[in-house]
Amino acid sequence: GDRLQVWTHPQPEATEYRDGGWDFDRLATDLPALVDQHRQSVGE
């Protein structure tokens, strides 16, 4: 139609660091809230 769009590469929406890495317990504590804050859209 009347629209032109320049698509970008998929880019990280958020980056977090934890000393010692991300074990199961750290993921369980932090990942759900991080994803909820930066949730990607699916579909049009």
All heavy atoms as atom14 arrays in JSON, in Angstrom:
{
  "sequence": "GDRLQVWTHPQPEATEYRDGGWDFDRLATDLPALVDQHRQSVGE",
  "atom14_mask": [
    [1, 1, 1, 1, 0, 0, 0, 0, 0, 0, 0, 0, 0, 0],
    [1, 1, 1, 1, 1, 1, 1, 1, 0, 0, 0, 0, 0, 0],
    [1, 1, 1, 1, 1, 1, 1, 1, 1, 1, 1, 0, 0, 0],
    [1, 1, 1, 1, 1, 1, 1, 1, 0, 0, 0, 0, 0, 0],
    [1, 1, 1, 1, 1, 1, 1, 1, 1, 0, 0, 0, 0, 0],
    [1, 1, 1, 1, 1, 1, 1, 0, 0, 0, 0, 0, 0, 0],
    [1, 1, 1, 1, 1, 1, 1, 1, 1, 1, 1, 1, 1, 1],
    [1, 1, 1, 1, 1, 1, 1, 0, 0, 0, 0, 0, 0, 0],
    [1, 1, 1, 1, 1, 1, 1, 1, 1, 1, 0, 0, 0, 0],
    [1, 1, 1, 1, 1, 1, 1, 0, 0, 0, 0, 0, 0, 0],
    [1, 1, 1, 1, 1, 1, 1, 1, 1, 0, 0, 0, 0, 0],
    [1, 1, 1, 1, 1, 1, 1, 0, 0, 0, 0, 0, 0, 0],
    [1, 1, 1, 1, 1, 1, 1, 1, 1, 0, 0, 0, 0, 0],
    [1, 1, 1, 1, 1, 0, 0, 0, 0, 0, 0, 0, 0, 0],
    [1, 1, 1, 1, 1, 1, 1, 0, 0, 0, 0, 0, 0, 0],
    [1, 1, 1, 1, 1, 1, 1, 1, 1, 0, 0, 0, 0, 0],
    [1, 1, 1, 1, 1, 1, 1, 1, 1, 1, 1, 1, 0, 0],
    [1, 1, 1, 1, 1, 1, 1, 1, 1, 1, 1, 0, 0, 0],
    [1, 1, 1, 1, 1, 1, 1, 1, 0, 0, 0, 0, 0, 0],
    [1, 1, 1, 1, 0, 0, 0, 0, 0, 0, 0, 0, 0, 0],
    [1, 1, 1, 1, 0, 0, 0, 0, 0, 0, 0, 0, 0, 0],
    [1, 1, 1, 1, 1, 1, 1, 1, 1, 1, 1, 1, 1, 1],
    [1, 1, 1, 1, 1, 1, 1, 1, 0, 0, 0, 0, 0, 0],
    [1, 1, 1, 1, 1, 1, 1, 1, 1, 1, 1, 0, 0, 0],
    [1, 1, 1, 1, 1, 1, 1, 1, 0, 0, 0, 0, 0, 0],
    [1, 1, 1, 1, 1, 1, 1, 1, 1, 1, 1, 0, 0, 0],
    [1, 1, 1, 1, 1, 1, 1, 1, 0, 0, 0, 0, 0, 0],
    [1, 1, 1, 1, 1, 0, 0, 0, 0, 0, 0, 0, 0, 0],
    [1, 1, 1, 1, 1, 1, 1, 0, 0, 0, 0, 0, 0, 0],
    [1, 1, 1, 1, 1, 1, 1, 1, 0, 0, 0, 0, 0, 0],
    [1, 1, 1, 1, 1, 1, 1, 1, 0, 0, 0, 0, 0, 0],
    [1, 1, 1, 1, 1, 1, 1, 0, 0, 0, 0, 0, 0, 0],
    [1, 1, 1, 1, 1, 0, 0, 0, 0, 0, 0, 0, 0, 0],
    [1, 1, 1, 1, 1, 1, 1, 1, 0, 0, 0, 0, 0, 0],
    [1, 1, 1, 1, 1, 1, 1, 0, 0, 0, 0, 0, 0, 0],
    [1, 1, 1, 1, 1, 1, 1, 1, 0, 0, 0, 0, 0, 0],
    [1, 1, 1, 1, 1, 1, 1, 1, 1, 0, 0, 0, 0, 0],
    [1, 1, 1, 1, 1, 1, 1, 1, 1, 1, 0, 0, 0, 0],
    [1, 1, 1, 1, 1, 1, 1, 1, 1, 1, 1, 0, 0, 0],
    [1, 1, 1, 1, 1, 1, 1, 1, 1, 0, 0, 0, 0, 0],
    [1, 1, 1, 1, 1, 1, 0, 0, 0, 0, 0, 0, 0, 0],
    [1, 1, 1, 1, 1, 1, 1, 0, 0, 0, 0, 0, 0, 0],
    [1, 1, 1, 1, 0, 0, 0, 0, 0, 0, 0, 0, 0, 0],
    [1, 1, 1, 1, 1, 1, 1, 1, 1, 0, 0, 0, 0, 0]
  ],
  "atom14_positions": [
    [[0.83, -1.2, 0.0], [0.0, 0.0, 0.0], [0.86, 1.25, 0.0], [1.75, 1.42, -0.82], [0.0, 0.0, 0.0], [0.0, 0.0, 0.0], [0.0, 0.0, 0.0], [0.0, 0.0, 0.0], [0.0, 0.0, 0.0], [0.0, 0.0, 0.0], [0.0, 0.0, 0.0], [0.0, 0.0, 0.0], [0.0, 0.0, 0.0], [0.0, 0.0, 0.0]],
    [[0.62, 2.13, 0.98], [1.37, 3.39, 1.08], [2.58, 3.28, 2.01], [3.27, 4.27, 2.24], [0.45, 4.49, 1.61], [-0.74, 4.76, 0.69], [-0.59, 4.57, -0.52], [-1.81, 5.14, 1.21], [0.0, 0.0, 0.0], [0.0, 0.0, 0.0], [0.0, 0.0, 0.0], [0.0, 0.0, 0.0], [0.0, 0.0, 0.0], [0.0, 0.0, 0.0]],
    [[2.85, 2.08, 2.53], [3.85, 1.92, 3.58], [5.13, 1.24, 3.07], [5.07, 0.27, 2.33], [3.27, 1.08, 4.73], [4.17, 0.96, 5.94], [3.5, 0.14, 7.03], [3.39, -1.28, 6.65], [2.73, -2.18, 7.36], [2.07, -1.81, 8.45], [2.69, -3.44, 6.98], [0.0, 0.0, 0.0], [0.0, 0.0, 0.0], [0.0, 0.0, 0.0]],
    [[6.27, 1.77, 3.5], [7.57, 1.16, 3.26], [8.23, 0.91, 4.6], [8.21, 1.78, 5.48], [8.44, 2.08, 2.4], [9.82, 1.56, 1.98], [9.68, 0.5, 0.9], [10.7, 2.71, 1.49], [0.0, 0.0, 0.0], [0.0, 0.0, 0.0], [0.0, 0.0, 0.0], [0.0, 0.0, 0.0], [0.0, 0.0, 0.0], [0.0, 0.0, 0.0]],
    [[8.83, -0.28, 4.79], [9.45, -0.61, 6.06], [10.84, -1.2, 5.84], [11.03, -2.02, 4.94], [8.61, -1.64, 6.82], [7.24, -1.13, 7.25], [6.44, -2.2, 7.98], [6.34, -3.33, 7.52], [5.87, -1.84, 9.12], [0.0, 0.0, 0.0], [0.0, 0.0, 0.0], [0.0, 0.0, 0.0], [0.0, 0.0, 0.0], [0.0, 0.0, 0.0]],
    [[11.79, -0.79, 6.66], [13.11, -1.41, 6.67], [13.18, -2.3, 7.91], [13.14, -1.8, 9.04], [14.23, -0.35, 6.7], [15.59, -1.02, 6.76], [14.13, 0.56, 5.48], [0.0, 0.0, 0.0], [0.0, 0.0, 0.0], [0.0, 0.0, 0.0], [0.0, 0.0, 0.0], [0.0, 0.0, 0.0], [0.0, 0.0, 0.0], [0.0, 0.0, 0.0]],
    [[13.25, -3.61, 7.69], [13.31, -4.56, 8.79], [14.74, -4.63, 9.32], [15.7, -4.52, 8.58], [12.88, -5.96, 8.34], [11.41, -6.1, 8.08], [10.74, -5.8, 6.93], [10.44, -6.59, 8.99], [9.41, -6.07, 7.07], [9.19, -6.56, 8.32], [10.49, -7.06, 10.3], [8.01, -6.99, 8.92], [9.32, -7.49, 10.9], [8.09, -7.44, 10.22]],
    [[14.88, -4.85, 10.62], [16.2, -5.02, 11.23], [16.45, -6.48, 11.55], [15.53, -7.31, 11.56], [16.32, -4.2, 12.52], [15.4, -4.74, 13.49], [16.01, -2.74, 12.27], [0.0, 0.0, 0.0], [0.0, 0.0, 0.0], [0.0, 0.0, 0.0], [0.0, 0.0, 0.0], [0.0, 0.0, 0.0], [0.0, 0.0, 0.0], [0.0, 0.0, 0.0]],
    [[17.69, -6.77, 11.86], [18.01, -8.09, 12.39], [17.29, -8.29, 13.73], [17.08, -7.31, 14.47], [19.51, -8.21, 12.67], [20.35, -8.27, 11.45], [20.57, -9.42, 10.75], [21.05, -7.3, 10.81], [21.37, -9.17, 9.73], [21.67, -7.89, 9.74], [0.0, 0.0, 0.0], [0.0, 0.0, 0.0], [0.0, 0.0, 0.0], [0.0, 0.0, 0.0]],
    [[16.94, -9.52, 14.07], [16.47, -9.76, 15.45], [17.57, -9.34, 16.43], [18.73, -9.71, 16.25], [16.25, -11.27, 15.48], [16.04, -11.67, 14.06], [16.91, -10.75, 13.25], [0.0, 0.0, 0.0], [0.0, 0.0, 0.0], [0.0, 0.0, 0.0], [0.0, 0.0, 0.0], [0.0, 0.0, 0.0], [0.0, 0.0, 0.0], [0.0, 0.0, 0.0]],
    [[17.22, -8.57, 17.41], [18.19, -8.05, 18.36], [17.79, -8.42, 19.78], [16.6, -8.52, 20.09], [18.27, -6.51, 18.25], [18.7, -5.99, 16.9], [20.18, -6.22, 16.63], [20.92, -6.61, 17.52], [20.6, -5.97, 15.41], [0.0, 0.0, 0.0], [0.0, 0.0, 0.0], [0.0, 0.0, 0.0], [0.0, 0.0, 0.0], [0.0, 0.0, 0.0]],
    [[18.77, -8.64, 20.67], [18.42, -8.88, 22.07], [17.64, -7.7, 22.64], [18.04, -6.55, 22.48], [19.79, -9.03, 22.76], [20.74, -9.39, 21.66], [20.22, -8.69, 20.44], [0.0, 0.0, 0.0], [0.0, 0.0, 0.0], [0.0, 0.0, 0.0], [0.0, 0.0, 0.0], [0.0, 0.0, 0.0], [0.0, 0.0, 0.0], [0.0, 0.0, 0.0]],
    [[16.56, -8.0, 23.28], [15.72, -6.95, 23.86], [16.2, -6.56, 25.26], [16.02, -5.44, 25.7], [14.26, -7.42, 23.92], [13.28, -6.41, 24.45], [13.11, -5.19, 23.54], [13.43, -5.31, 22.33], [12.67, -4.14, 24.03], [0.0, 0.0, 0.0], [0.0, 0.0, 0.0], [0.0, 0.0, 0.0], [0.0, 0.0, 0.0], [0.0, 0.0, 0.0]],
    [[16.78, -7.52, 25.95], [17.28, -7.25, 27.31], [18.51, -8.11, 27.56], [18.59, -9.24, 27.07], [16.2, -7.53, 28.34], [0.0, 0.0, 0.0], [0.0, 0.0, 0.0], [0.0, 0.0, 0.0], [0.0, 0.0, 0.0], [0.0, 0.0, 0.0], [0.0, 0.0, 0.0], [0.0, 0.0, 0.0], [0.0, 0.0, 0.0], [0.0, 0.0, 0.0]],
    [[19.44, -7.6, 28.36], [20.65, -8.35, 28.7], [20.89, -8.25, 30.2], [20.87, -7.15, 30.76], [21.88, -7.8, 27.94], [21.63, -7.87, 26.53], [23.12, -8.61, 28.28], [0.0, 0.0, 0.0], [0.0, 0.0, 0.0], [0.0, 0.0, 0.0], [0.0, 0.0, 0.0], [0.0, 0.0, 0.0], [0.0, 0.0, 0.0], [0.0, 0.0, 0.0]],
    [[21.06, -9.39, 30.84], [21.32, -9.43, 32.28], [22.55, -10.31, 32.54], [22.82, -11.25, 31.78], [20.12, -10.02, 33.03], [18.86, -9.17, 32.96], [18.93, -7.97, 33.88], [19.69, -8.02, 34.86], [18.22, -6.97, 33.61], [0.0, 0.0, 0.0], [0.0, 0.0, 0.0], [0.0, 0.0, 0.0], [0.0, 0.0, 0.0], [0.0, 0.0, 0.0]],
    [[23.28, -10.02, 33.6], [24.46, -10.8, 33.97], [24.34, -11.26, 35.43], [23.82, -10.54, 36.28], [25.74, -9.98, 33.81], [26.0, -9.54, 32.39], [25.54, -8.31, 31.94], [26.69, -10.36, 31.5], [25.77, -7.88, 30.63], [26.93, -9.95, 30.19], [26.47, -8.72, 29.76], [26.7, -8.31, 28.47], [0.0, 0.0, 0.0], [0.0, 0.0, 0.0]],
    [[24.8, -12.46, 35.7], [24.89, -12.98, 37.05], [26.25, -13.64, 37.22], [26.63, -14.5, 36.43], [23.78, -14.02, 37.34], [22.38, -13.44, 37.41], [22.19, -12.55, 38.63], [20.84, -12.03, 38.7], [20.41, -10.91, 38.13], [21.25, -10.18, 37.42], [19.17, -10.51, 38.26], [0.0, 0.0, 0.0], [0.0, 0.0, 0.0], [0.0, 0.0, 0.0]],
    [[27.01, -13.21, 38.22], [28.3, -13.82, 38.49], [28.13, -15.32, 38.72], [27.26, -15.75, 39.48], [28.96, -13.19, 39.72], [29.38, -11.74, 39.49], [29.5, -11.36, 38.3], [29.57, -11.02, 40.48], [0.0, 0.0, 0.0], [0.0, 0.0, 0.0], [0.0, 0.0, 0.0], [0.0, 0.0, 0.0], [0.0, 0.0, 0.0], [0.0, 0.0, 0.0]],
    [[28.93, -16.09, 38.05], [28.84, -17.54, 38.2], [27.89, -18.2, 37.22], [27.78, -19.43, 37.17], [0.0, 0.0, 0.0], [0.0, 0.0, 0.0], [0.0, 0.0, 0.0], [0.0, 0.0, 0.0], [0.0, 0.0, 0.0], [0.0, 0.0, 0.0], [0.0, 0.0, 0.0], [0.0, 0.0, 0.0], [0.0, 0.0, 0.0], [0.0, 0.0, 0.0]],
    [[27.19, -17.4, 36.43], [26.31, -17.97, 35.41], [24.88, -18.13, 35.86], [24.49, -17.71, 36.97], [0.0, 0.0, 0.0], [0.0, 0.0, 0.0], [0.0, 0.0, 0.0], [0.0, 0.0, 0.0], [0.0, 0.0, 0.0], [0.0, 0.0, 0.0], [0.0, 0.0, 0.0], [0.0, 0.0, 0.0], [0.0, 0.0, 0.0], [0.0, 0.0, 0.0]],
    [[24.09, -18.77, 35.0], [22.65, -18.88, 35.21], [22.28, -20.34, 35.47], [22.05, -21.11, 34.54], [21.89, -18.36, 33.98], [21.99, -16.87, 33.83], [22.96, -16.18, 33.18], [21.09, -15.92, 34.37], [22.73, -14.83, 33.27], [21.57, -14.64, 33.99], [19.93, -16.0, 35.13], [20.93, -13.45, 34.37], [19.28, -14.82, 35.49], [19.79, -13.57, 35.12]],
    [[22.21, -20.71, 36.75], [21.77, -22.07, 37.05], [20.25, -22.1, 37.14], [19.56, -21.09, 36.98], [22.43, -22.58, 38.33], [22.1, -21.73, 39.56], [21.1, -20.98, 39.52], [22.87, -21.79, 40.55], [0.0, 0.0, 0.0], [0.0, 0.0, 0.0], [0.0, 0.0, 0.0], [0.0, 0.0, 0.0], [0.0, 0.0, 0.0], [0.0, 0.0, 0.0]],
    [[19.72, -23.27, 37.39], [18.26, -23.47, 37.4], [17.57, -22.54, 38.39], [16.55, -21.9, 38.06], [17.95, -24.93, 37.74], [16.49, -25.29, 37.64], [15.95, -25.82, 36.49], [15.64, -25.07, 38.73], [14.6, -26.15, 36.4], [14.29, -25.38, 38.65], [13.77, -25.92, 37.49], [0.0, 0.0, 0.0], [0.0, 0.0, 0.0], [0.0, 0.0, 0.0]],
    [[18.08, -22.44, 39.61], [17.43, -21.63, 40.64], [17.43, -20.14, 40.28], [16.43, -19.44, 40.52], [18.11, -21.85, 41.99], [17.87, -23.24, 42.55], [16.86, -23.86, 42.14], [18.69, -23.72, 43.35], [0.0, 0.0, 0.0], [0.0, 0.0, 0.0], [0.0, 0.0, 0.0], [0.0, 0.0, 0.0], [0.0, 0.0, 0.0], [0.0, 0.0, 0.0]],
    [[18.53, -19.65, 39.7], [18.58, -18.24, 39.31], [17.6, -17.96, 38.18], [16.95, -16.92, 38.14], [20.0, -17.87, 38.89], [20.95, -17.69, 40.07], [22.36, -17.46, 39.6], [23.23, -17.12, 40.73], [24.56, -17.08, 40.67], [25.16, -17.37, 39.53], [25.27, -16.76, 41.72], [0.0, 0.0, 0.0], [0.0, 0.0, 0.0], [0.0, 0.0, 0.0]],
    [[17.5, -18.9, 37.26], [16.54, -18.75, 36.17], [15.11, -18.71, 36.71], [14.28, -17.9, 36.3], [16.68, -19.89, 35.15], [17.95, -19.85, 34.3], [18.13, -21.17, 33.56], [17.88, -18.7, 33.31], [0.0, 0.0, 0.0], [0.0, 0.0, 0.0], [0.0, 0.0, 0.0], [0.0, 0.0, 0.0], [0.0, 0.0, 0.0], [0.0, 0.0, 0.0]],
    [[14.82, -19.61, 37.64], [13.48, -19.67, 38.21], [13.12, -18.37, 38.93], [11.96, -17.94, 38.95], [13.37, -20.85, 39.17], [0.0, 0.0, 0.0], [0.0, 0.0, 0.0], [0.0, 0.0, 0.0], [0.0, 0.0, 0.0], [0.0, 0.0, 0.0], [0.0, 0.0, 0.0], [0.0, 0.0, 0.0], [0.0, 0.0, 0.0], [0.0, 0.0, 0.0]],
    [[14.12, -17.73, 39.51], [13.89, -16.48, 40.24], [13.73, -15.28, 39.33], [12.87, -14.42, 39.53], [15.04, -16.23, 41.23], [15.13, -17.32, 42.14], [14.84, -14.93, 42.0], [0.0, 0.0, 0.0], [0.0, 0.0, 0.0], [0.0, 0.0, 0.0], [0.0, 0.0, 0.0], [0.0, 0.0, 0.0], [0.0, 0.0, 0.0], [0.0, 0.0, 0.0]],
    [[14.58, -15.22, 38.29], [14.69, -13.97, 37.52], [14.08, -14.01, 36.12], [13.64, -12.97, 35.61], [16.17, -13.59, 37.38], [16.8, -13.22, 38.71], [16.05, -13.04, 39.69], [18.04, -13.12, 38.78], [0.0, 0.0, 0.0], [0.0, 0.0, 0.0], [0.0, 0.0, 0.0], [0.0, 0.0, 0.0], [0.0, 0.0, 0.0], [0.0, 0.0, 0.0]],
    [[14.1, -15.17, 35.48], [13.72, -15.2, 34.06], [12.26, -14.86, 33.79], [11.97, -14.07, 32.88], [14.06, -16.56, 33.44], [13.79, -16.68, 31.94], [14.56, -15.63, 31.16], [14.13, -18.09, 31.44], [0.0, 0.0, 0.0], [0.0, 0.0, 0.0], [0.0, 0.0, 0.0], [0.0, 0.0, 0.0], [0.0, 0.0, 0.0], [0.0, 0.0, 0.0]],
    [[11.28, -15.39, 34.55], [9.88, -15.05, 34.23], [9.6, -13.55, 34.23], [8.92, -13.04, 33.34], [9.09, -15.77, 35.33], [9.95, -16.94, 35.7], [11.35, -16.42, 35.62], [0.0, 0.0, 0.0], [0.0, 0.0, 0.0], [0.0, 0.0, 0.0], [0.0, 0.0, 0.0], [0.0, 0.0, 0.0], [0.0, 0.0, 0.0], [0.0, 0.0, 0.0]],
    [[10.13, -12.83, 35.2], [9.88, -11.39, 35.27], [10.57, -10.66, 34.12], [10.02, -9.71, 33.54], [10.37, -10.83, 36.6], [0.0, 0.0, 0.0], [0.0, 0.0, 0.0], [0.0, 0.0, 0.0], [0.0, 0.0, 0.0], [0.0, 0.0, 0.0], [0.0, 0.0, 0.0], [0.0, 0.0, 0.0], [0.0, 0.0, 0.0], [0.0, 0.0, 0.0]],
    [[11.76, -11.13, 33.75], [12.49, -10.5, 32.66], [11.77, -10.69, 31.34], [11.62, -9.75, 30.55], [13.91, -11.07, 32.58], [14.87, -10.41, 31.6], [15.12, -8.95, 32.02], [16.18, -11.19, 31.54], [0.0, 0.0, 0.0], [0.0, 0.0, 0.0], [0.0, 0.0, 0.0], [0.0, 0.0, 0.0], [0.0, 0.0, 0.0], [0.0, 0.0, 0.0]],
    [[11.29, -11.9, 31.1], [10.54, -12.17, 29.86], [9.24, -11.39, 29.85], [8.84, -10.83, 28.82], [10.28, -13.68, 29.7], [9.3, -13.94, 28.56], [11.59, -14.42, 29.43], [0.0, 0.0, 0.0], [0.0, 0.0, 0.0], [0.0, 0.0, 0.0], [0.0, 0.0, 0.0], [0.0, 0.0, 0.0], [0.0, 0.0, 0.0], [0.0, 0.0, 0.0]],
    [[8.56, -11.34, 31.0], [7.29, -10.61, 31.06], [7.49, -9.14, 30.74], [6.64, -8.51, 30.1], [6.69, -10.77, 32.46], [5.33, -10.11, 32.56], [4.41, -10.54, 31.84], [5.19, -9.14, 33.33], [0.0, 0.0, 0.0], [0.0, 0.0, 0.0], [0.0, 0.0, 0.0], [0.0, 0.0, 0.0], [0.0, 0.0, 0.0], [0.0, 0.0, 0.0]],
    [[8.62, -8.58, 31.14], [8.89, -7.17, 30.9], [9.24, -6.89, 29.44], [9.0, -5.8, 28.92], [10.05, -6.73, 31.8], [10.36, -5.23, 31.74], [11.49, -4.85, 32.66], [12.01, -5.67, 33.42], [11.89, -3.58, 32.62], [0.0, 0.0, 0.0], [0.0, 0.0, 0.0], [0.0, 0.0, 0.0], [0.0, 0.0, 0.0], [0.0, 0.0, 0.0]],
    [[9.79, -7.9, 28.76], [10.27, -7.69, 27.38], [9.68, -8.73, 26.42], [10.33, -9.15, 25.48], [11.8, -7.77, 27.35], [12.48, -6.78, 28.23], [12.61, -5.45, 27.88], [13.05, -6.92, 29.46], [13.25, -4.82, 28.84], [13.52, -5.67, 29.82], [0.0, 0.0, 0.0], [0.0, 0.0, 0.0], [0.0, 0.0, 0.0], [0.0, 0.0, 0.0]],
    [[8.46, -9.13, 26.66], [7.84, -10.21, 25.87], [7.78, -9.84, 24.39], [7.39, -8.74, 24.03], [6.43, -10.48, 26.38], [5.76, -11.68, 25.71], [4.33, -11.86, 26.18], [4.27, -12.16, 27.6], [3.8, -11.33, 28.53], [3.38, -10.12, 28.16], [3.75, -11.68, 29.79], [0.0, 0.0, 0.0], [0.0, 0.0, 0.0], [0.0, 0.0, 0.0]],
    [[8.18, -10.78, 23.51], [8.12, -10.54, 22.07], [6.73, -10.88, 21.54], [6.05, -11.77, 22.06], [9.17, -11.37, 21.34], [9.0, -12.88, 21.49], [10.1, -13.65, 20.77], [10.54, -13.26, 19.71], [10.54, -14.74, 21.38], [0.0, 0.0, 0.0], [0.0, 0.0, 0.0], [0.0, 0.0, 0.0], [0.0, 0.0, 0.0], [0.0, 0.0, 0.0]],
    [[6.32, -10.15, 20.53], [5.03, -10.42, 19.91], [5.14, -11.64, 19.0], [6.2, -11.96, 18.48], [4.57, -9.21, 19.09], [5.48, -8.96, 18.04], [0.0, 0.0, 0.0], [0.0, 0.0, 0.0], [0.0, 0.0, 0.0], [0.0, 0.0, 0.0], [0.0, 0.0, 0.0], [0.0, 0.0, 0.0], [0.0, 0.0, 0.0], [0.0, 0.0, 0.0]],
    [[4.03, -12.32, 18.84], [3.97, -13.51, 17.97], [2.81, -13.33, 17.01], [1.68, -13.06, 17.43], [3.78, -14.8, 18.8], [3.67, -16.0, 17.88], [4.93, -14.98, 19.78], [0.0, 0.0, 0.0], [0.0, 0.0, 0.0], [0.0, 0.0, 0.0], [0.0, 0.0, 0.0], [0.0, 0.0, 0.0], [0.0, 0.0, 0.0], [0.0, 0.0, 0.0]],
    [[3.09, -13.45, 15.73], [2.04, -13.29, 14.72], [1.74, -11.83, 14.44], [2.22, -10.92, 15.11], [0.0, 0.0, 0.0], [0.0, 0.0, 0.0], [0.0, 0.0, 0.0], [0.0, 0.0, 0.0], [0.0, 0.0, 0.0], [0.0, 0.0, 0.0], [0.0, 0.0, 0.0], [0.0, 0.0, 0.0], [0.0, 0.0, 0.0], [0.0, 0.0, 0.0]],
    [[0.94, -11.62, 13.41], [0.55, -10.28, 12.98], [-0.77, -9.9, 13.66], [-1.75, -10.66, 13.58], [0.38, -10.24, 11.46], [0.31, -8.85, 10.88], [1.68, -8.2, 10.72], [2.68, -8.94, 10.74], [1.73, -6.97, 10.56], [0.0, 0.0, 0.0], [0.0, 0.0, 0.0], [0.0, 0.0, 0.0], [0.0, 0.0, 0.0], [0.0, 0.0, 0.0]]
  ]
}
